[in-house]
N, C-alpha and C. Protein backbone atom coordinates (compact mmCIF):
# COMPACT_ATOMS: atom_id res chain seq x y z
N GLN A 1 0.85 -1.19 0.00
CA GLN A 1 0.00 0.00 0.00
C GLN A 1 0.89 1.24 0.00
N VAL A 2 0.62 2.14 -0.96
CA VAL A 2 1.41 3.35 -1.08
C VAL A 2 0.89 4.42 -0.13
N GLN A 3 1.84 5.05 0.55
CA GLN A 3 1.49 6.20 1.40
C GLN A 3 2.50 7.30 1.18
N LEU A 4 1.98 8.51 1.02
CA LEU A 4 2.81 9.71 0.96
C LEU A 4 2.37 10.60 2.12
N VAL A 5 3.30 10.94 2.99
CA VAL A 5 2.95 11.71 4.18
C VAL A 5 3.75 13.01 4.19
N GLU A 6 3.02 14.11 4.04
CA GLU A 6 3.67 15.43 4.04
C GLU A 6 3.79 15.97 5.46
N SER A 7 4.80 16.77 5.65
CA SER A 7 4.98 17.47 6.92
C SER A 7 5.79 18.73 6.67
N GLY A 8 5.85 19.59 7.69
CA GLY A 8 6.68 20.78 7.59
C GLY A 8 5.94 22.07 7.32
N GLY A 9 4.65 21.98 7.10
CA GLY A 9 3.89 23.20 6.87
C GLY A 9 3.74 23.99 8.15
N GLY A 10 3.20 25.20 8.00
CA GLY A 10 3.00 26.03 9.17
C GLY A 10 2.74 27.46 8.79
N LEU A 11 2.82 28.33 9.79
CA LEU A 11 2.61 29.76 9.61
C LEU A 11 3.97 30.45 9.58
N VAL A 12 4.18 31.27 8.57
CA VAL A 12 5.46 31.96 8.43
C VAL A 12 5.20 33.36 7.91
N GLN A 13 6.05 34.29 8.28
CA GLN A 13 5.92 35.65 7.76
C GLN A 13 6.46 35.74 6.34
N ALA A 14 5.94 36.68 5.61
CA ALA A 14 6.44 36.92 4.26
C ALA A 14 7.95 37.16 4.30
N GLY A 15 8.64 36.53 3.35
CA GLY A 15 10.09 36.60 3.32
C GLY A 15 10.77 35.45 4.02
N GLY A 16 10.01 34.68 4.77
CA GLY A 16 10.55 33.56 5.51
C GLY A 16 10.69 32.31 4.67
N SER A 17 11.07 31.23 5.35
CA SER A 17 11.32 29.96 4.67
C SER A 17 10.65 28.81 5.41
N LEU A 18 10.34 27.79 4.65
CA LEU A 18 9.85 26.52 5.19
C LEU A 18 10.42 25.41 4.33
N ARG A 19 10.58 24.23 4.94
CA ARG A 19 10.93 23.05 4.18
C ARG A 19 9.87 21.99 4.40
N LEU A 20 9.24 21.62 3.31
CA LEU A 20 8.24 20.55 3.36
C LEU A 20 8.91 19.21 3.08
N SER A 21 8.41 18.19 3.73
CA SER A 21 8.89 16.83 3.52
C SER A 21 7.74 15.94 3.06
N CYS A 22 8.08 14.97 2.25
CA CYS A 22 7.10 13.97 1.80
C CYS A 22 7.76 12.61 1.98
N ALA A 23 7.37 11.90 3.02
CA ALA A 23 7.92 10.58 3.30
C ALA A 23 7.07 9.53 2.61
N ALA A 24 7.72 8.70 1.80
CA ALA A 24 7.00 7.71 1.01
C ALA A 24 7.18 6.31 1.58
N SER A 25 6.13 5.53 1.49
CA SER A 25 6.20 4.10 1.78
C SER A 25 5.38 3.37 0.73
N GLY A 26 5.79 2.16 0.41
CA GLY A 26 5.09 1.40 -0.61
C GLY A 26 5.54 1.70 -2.02
N LEU A 27 6.40 2.69 -2.19
CA LEU A 27 7.03 2.97 -3.47
C LEU A 27 8.41 3.56 -3.19
N THR A 28 9.25 3.51 -4.22
CA THR A 28 10.62 4.02 -4.11
C THR A 28 10.71 5.32 -4.87
N VAL A 29 10.98 6.42 -4.18
CA VAL A 29 10.87 7.74 -4.80
C VAL A 29 11.82 7.90 -5.97
N ARG A 30 12.95 7.20 -5.97
CA ARG A 30 13.89 7.38 -7.08
C ARG A 30 13.36 6.76 -8.37
N ASN A 31 12.30 5.96 -8.27
CA ASN A 31 11.72 5.33 -9.45
C ASN A 31 10.44 6.01 -9.93
N TYR A 32 10.12 7.14 -9.35
CA TYR A 32 8.89 7.85 -9.69
C TYR A 32 9.19 9.32 -9.96
N ASN A 33 8.37 9.92 -10.79
CA ASN A 33 8.31 11.37 -10.86
C ASN A 33 7.64 11.83 -9.57
N MET A 34 8.32 12.65 -8.80
CA MET A 34 7.78 13.12 -7.53
C MET A 34 7.52 14.62 -7.63
N ALA A 35 6.31 15.00 -7.31
CA ALA A 35 5.91 16.39 -7.53
C ALA A 35 5.26 16.99 -6.30
N TRP A 36 5.23 18.30 -6.30
CA TRP A 36 4.46 19.07 -5.33
C TRP A 36 3.41 19.88 -6.09
N PHE A 37 2.22 19.84 -5.58
CA PHE A 37 1.12 20.67 -6.05
C PHE A 37 0.62 21.49 -4.86
N ARG A 38 -0.18 22.49 -5.16
CA ARG A 38 -0.77 23.26 -4.07
C ARG A 38 -2.18 23.71 -4.46
N GLN A 39 -2.97 23.96 -3.44
CA GLN A 39 -4.34 24.41 -3.67
C GLN A 39 -4.68 25.47 -2.65
N ALA A 40 -4.97 26.66 -3.14
CA ALA A 40 -5.39 27.77 -2.30
C ALA A 40 -6.91 27.75 -2.19
N PRO A 41 -7.46 28.36 -1.16
CA PRO A 41 -8.92 28.37 -1.00
C PRO A 41 -9.61 28.95 -2.22
N GLY A 42 -10.60 28.22 -2.71
CA GLY A 42 -11.37 28.69 -3.84
C GLY A 42 -10.68 28.57 -5.18
N LYS A 43 -9.51 27.95 -5.20
CA LYS A 43 -8.77 27.83 -6.45
C LYS A 43 -8.52 26.37 -6.77
N GLU A 44 -8.16 26.12 -8.03
CA GLU A 44 -7.85 24.76 -8.44
C GLU A 44 -6.44 24.38 -7.97
N ARG A 45 -6.27 23.09 -7.85
CA ARG A 45 -4.94 22.59 -7.50
C ARG A 45 -3.98 22.87 -8.65
N GLU A 46 -2.79 23.34 -8.32
CA GLU A 46 -1.84 23.72 -9.35
C GLU A 46 -0.47 23.10 -9.12
N PHE A 47 0.21 22.90 -10.21
CA PHE A 47 1.55 22.35 -10.18
C PHE A 47 2.52 23.34 -9.55
N VAL A 48 3.46 22.83 -8.76
CA VAL A 48 4.50 23.67 -8.16
C VAL A 48 5.88 23.25 -8.66
N ALA A 49 6.20 21.97 -8.50
CA ALA A 49 7.54 21.49 -8.87
C ALA A 49 7.52 19.99 -9.01
N VAL A 50 8.47 19.48 -9.80
CA VAL A 50 8.62 18.04 -9.97
C VAL A 50 10.08 17.70 -10.15
N ILE A 51 10.44 16.53 -9.66
CA ILE A 51 11.75 15.97 -9.94
C ILE A 51 11.51 14.63 -10.62
N ARG A 52 12.05 14.48 -11.81
CA ARG A 52 11.79 13.30 -12.61
C ARG A 52 12.74 12.18 -12.23
N TYR A 53 12.28 10.95 -12.38
CA TYR A 53 13.16 9.82 -12.10
C TYR A 53 14.08 9.57 -13.28
N ARG A 54 13.67 10.01 -14.47
CA ARG A 54 14.55 9.90 -15.63
C ARG A 54 15.39 11.15 -15.72
N GLY A 55 16.63 11.05 -15.38
CA GLY A 55 17.53 12.18 -15.53
C GLY A 55 17.58 13.12 -14.36
N ASN A 56 16.70 12.93 -13.37
CA ASN A 56 16.68 13.79 -12.18
C ASN A 56 16.45 15.26 -12.50
N ASN A 57 15.84 15.55 -13.64
CA ASN A 57 15.56 16.94 -13.98
C ASN A 57 14.48 17.50 -13.07
N GLU A 58 14.60 18.80 -12.83
CA GLU A 58 13.63 19.50 -11.99
C GLU A 58 12.90 20.53 -12.83
N TYR A 59 11.61 20.68 -12.56
CA TYR A 59 10.81 21.67 -13.26
C TYR A 59 9.95 22.40 -12.24
N TYR A 60 9.73 23.69 -12.49
CA TYR A 60 9.00 24.53 -11.54
C TYR A 60 7.98 25.40 -12.26
N ARG A 61 6.94 25.77 -11.54
CA ARG A 61 6.08 26.79 -12.10
C ARG A 61 6.83 28.10 -12.04
N ASP A 62 6.51 29.00 -12.96
CA ASP A 62 7.29 30.22 -13.10
C ASP A 62 7.33 31.04 -11.82
N SER A 63 6.22 31.10 -11.11
CA SER A 63 6.14 32.00 -9.95
C SER A 63 7.00 31.56 -8.78
N VAL A 64 7.52 30.33 -8.81
CA VAL A 64 8.36 29.87 -7.69
C VAL A 64 9.81 29.66 -8.10
N LYS A 65 10.10 29.83 -9.38
CA LYS A 65 11.48 29.64 -9.83
C LYS A 65 12.42 30.59 -9.10
N GLY A 66 13.55 30.06 -8.65
CA GLY A 66 14.51 30.87 -7.92
C GLY A 66 14.21 30.99 -6.44
N ARG A 67 13.02 30.58 -6.02
CA ARG A 67 12.64 30.63 -4.59
C ARG A 67 12.46 29.23 -4.00
N PHE A 68 11.95 28.31 -4.77
CA PHE A 68 11.68 26.94 -4.29
C PHE A 68 12.67 25.98 -4.92
N THR A 69 13.01 24.94 -4.16
CA THR A 69 13.88 23.88 -4.66
C THR A 69 13.33 22.53 -4.24
N ILE A 70 13.15 21.67 -5.22
CA ILE A 70 12.71 20.30 -4.94
C ILE A 70 13.94 19.40 -4.91
N SER A 71 13.93 18.44 -3.98
CA SER A 71 15.05 17.52 -3.89
C SER A 71 14.56 16.17 -3.39
N ARG A 72 15.44 15.23 -3.46
CA ARG A 72 15.06 13.86 -3.10
C ARG A 72 16.20 13.22 -2.32
N ASP A 73 15.87 12.54 -1.25
CA ASP A 73 16.84 11.76 -0.47
C ASP A 73 16.47 10.30 -0.63
N ASN A 74 17.20 9.60 -1.49
CA ASN A 74 16.85 8.21 -1.78
C ASN A 74 17.01 7.32 -0.55
N ALA A 75 18.00 7.61 0.28
CA ALA A 75 18.22 6.79 1.47
C ALA A 75 17.05 6.87 2.44
N LYS A 76 16.45 8.04 2.52
CA LYS A 76 15.30 8.23 3.41
C LYS A 76 13.98 8.03 2.69
N ASN A 77 14.03 7.82 1.38
CA ASN A 77 12.82 7.67 0.57
C ASN A 77 11.88 8.85 0.78
N THR A 78 12.45 10.03 0.73
CA THR A 78 11.73 11.26 1.05
C THR A 78 12.04 12.33 0.00
N VAL A 79 11.03 13.11 -0.28
CA VAL A 79 11.16 14.25 -1.19
C VAL A 79 10.92 15.52 -0.38
N TYR A 80 11.65 16.57 -0.74
CA TYR A 80 11.57 17.83 -0.01
C TYR A 80 11.19 18.96 -0.95
N LEU A 81 10.63 19.99 -0.36
CA LEU A 81 10.43 21.25 -1.07
C LEU A 81 10.91 22.36 -0.16
N GLN A 82 12.06 22.91 -0.51
CA GLN A 82 12.59 24.05 0.23
C GLN A 82 11.98 25.31 -0.35
N MET A 83 11.33 26.08 0.50
CA MET A 83 10.62 27.28 0.04
C MET A 83 11.23 28.49 0.74
N ASN A 84 11.83 29.35 -0.04
CA ASN A 84 12.44 30.58 0.48
C ASN A 84 11.71 31.80 -0.07
N SER A 85 11.95 32.93 0.58
CA SER A 85 11.34 34.19 0.15
C SER A 85 9.85 34.04 -0.07
N LEU A 86 9.20 33.45 0.89
CA LEU A 86 7.77 33.18 0.75
C LEU A 86 6.97 34.47 0.66
N ILE A 87 5.93 34.42 -0.15
CA ILE A 87 5.01 35.54 -0.32
C ILE A 87 3.60 35.08 0.03
N ILE A 88 2.72 36.05 0.24
CA ILE A 88 1.37 35.72 0.68
C ILE A 88 0.67 34.81 -0.32
N GLU A 89 0.99 34.99 -1.59
CA GLU A 89 0.36 34.18 -2.64
C GLU A 89 0.78 32.72 -2.60
N ASP A 90 1.78 32.38 -1.79
CA ASP A 90 2.18 30.99 -1.64
C ASP A 90 1.29 30.24 -0.64
N THR A 91 0.41 30.95 0.02
CA THR A 91 -0.49 30.33 0.99
C THR A 91 -1.38 29.31 0.30
N ALA A 92 -1.33 28.07 0.79
CA ALA A 92 -2.11 26.99 0.19
C ALA A 92 -1.88 25.71 0.98
N VAL A 93 -2.66 24.72 0.65
CA VAL A 93 -2.35 23.36 1.09
C VAL A 93 -1.43 22.75 0.04
N TYR A 94 -0.32 22.21 0.49
CA TYR A 94 0.67 21.63 -0.41
C TYR A 94 0.58 20.11 -0.36
N TYR A 95 0.53 19.53 -1.55
CA TYR A 95 0.38 18.09 -1.70
C TYR A 95 1.58 17.49 -2.42
N CYS A 96 1.99 16.35 -1.95
CA CYS A 96 3.00 15.54 -2.62
C CYS A 96 2.30 14.53 -3.51
N ALA A 97 2.88 14.24 -4.66
CA ALA A 97 2.26 13.30 -5.59
C ALA A 97 3.33 12.50 -6.30
N ALA A 98 2.95 11.30 -6.73
CA ALA A 98 3.90 10.40 -7.40
C ALA A 98 3.27 9.84 -8.68
N ASP A 99 4.11 9.74 -9.68
CA ASP A 99 3.68 9.21 -10.98
C ASP A 99 4.85 8.49 -11.62
N ARG A 100 4.53 7.50 -12.44
CA ARG A 100 5.61 6.77 -13.09
C ARG A 100 5.58 6.91 -14.60
N GLU A 101 4.44 7.32 -15.13
CA GLU A 101 4.23 7.19 -16.57
C GLU A 101 4.29 8.50 -17.36
N ALA A 102 4.14 9.63 -16.71
CA ALA A 102 3.95 10.88 -17.46
C ALA A 102 5.15 11.22 -18.30
N ILE A 103 4.90 11.58 -19.55
CA ILE A 103 5.95 12.10 -20.39
C ILE A 103 6.18 13.56 -20.02
N LEU A 104 7.25 14.13 -20.53
CA LEU A 104 7.65 15.46 -20.11
C LEU A 104 6.55 16.49 -20.34
N SER A 105 5.87 16.39 -21.44
CA SER A 105 4.84 17.39 -21.77
C SER A 105 3.65 17.33 -20.82
N ALA A 106 3.50 16.24 -20.09
CA ALA A 106 2.36 16.08 -19.19
C ALA A 106 2.76 16.14 -17.73
N ILE A 107 3.98 16.48 -17.46
CA ILE A 107 4.52 16.37 -16.11
C ILE A 107 3.85 17.33 -15.15
N ARG A 108 3.22 18.38 -15.66
CA ARG A 108 2.56 19.35 -14.79
C ARG A 108 1.06 19.08 -14.62
N ASP A 109 0.59 18.02 -15.23
CA ASP A 109 -0.83 17.70 -15.22
C ASP A 109 -1.16 16.84 -14.01
N LEU A 110 -1.96 17.35 -13.11
CA LEU A 110 -2.25 16.61 -11.89
C LEU A 110 -2.97 15.30 -12.18
N ASN A 111 -3.67 15.22 -13.30
CA ASN A 111 -4.39 13.99 -13.63
C ASN A 111 -3.46 12.82 -13.95
N MET A 112 -2.19 13.12 -14.16
CA MET A 112 -1.24 12.06 -14.46
C MET A 112 -0.76 11.35 -13.21
N TYR A 113 -1.01 11.91 -12.05
CA TYR A 113 -0.42 11.41 -10.81
C TYR A 113 -1.34 10.40 -10.14
N ASP A 114 -0.74 9.28 -9.78
CA ASP A 114 -1.51 8.17 -9.25
C ASP A 114 -1.64 8.19 -7.73
N TYR A 115 -0.64 8.73 -7.07
CA TYR A 115 -0.61 8.68 -5.61
C TYR A 115 -0.48 10.10 -5.05
N TRP A 116 -1.21 10.35 -3.98
CA TRP A 116 -1.25 11.67 -3.36
C TRP A 116 -1.15 11.56 -1.84
N GLY A 117 -0.53 12.57 -1.27
CA GLY A 117 -0.55 12.67 0.18
C GLY A 117 -1.78 13.42 0.64
N GLN A 118 -1.88 13.61 1.95
CA GLN A 118 -3.04 14.26 2.53
C GLN A 118 -2.93 15.77 2.55
N GLY A 119 -1.75 16.28 2.33
CA GLY A 119 -1.53 17.72 2.27
C GLY A 119 -1.05 18.31 3.58
N THR A 120 -0.35 19.43 3.45
CA THR A 120 0.11 20.17 4.62
C THR A 120 -0.12 21.66 4.36
N GLN A 121 -0.65 22.35 5.36
CA GLN A 121 -1.03 23.74 5.19
C GLN A 121 0.19 24.65 5.32
N VAL A 122 0.31 25.55 4.38
CA VAL A 122 1.32 26.62 4.46
C VAL A 122 0.59 27.95 4.44
N THR A 123 0.82 28.75 5.45
CA THR A 123 0.18 30.06 5.54
C THR A 123 1.27 31.12 5.68
N VAL A 124 1.25 32.06 4.76
CA VAL A 124 2.23 33.15 4.76
C VAL A 124 1.51 34.42 5.15
N SER A 125 1.98 35.07 6.20
CA SER A 125 1.35 36.29 6.70
C SER A 125 2.19 37.51 6.36
N SER A 126 1.54 38.64 6.34
CA SER A 126 2.25 39.89 6.00
C SER A 126 2.91 40.48 7.22
């Protein structure tokens, strides 16, 4: 049984940092495309970042480039999202997701992801 468990969310002031963790069981993160999505109140879930198992390439949505970094610790079977210079617009529930099949052109499509965590709340205050 696959489980993705996010942690590390919380309340932070604008300009601050948080590191989210996604601990996986039932799958090996180095063999999956591992992504972070987020959903703000009243908005659709959106892609944030992904690290591919083929080539270890990383991709980000434009609004987080240069501020967020996705990484993977194969020994701990965990994926991280380091978030720096947080802004109020980053406030959302952040979800970890895993996929094995998506081609590059579909890597940002949430419908491609088979496994999801329960989410962790990130709130950025002014």
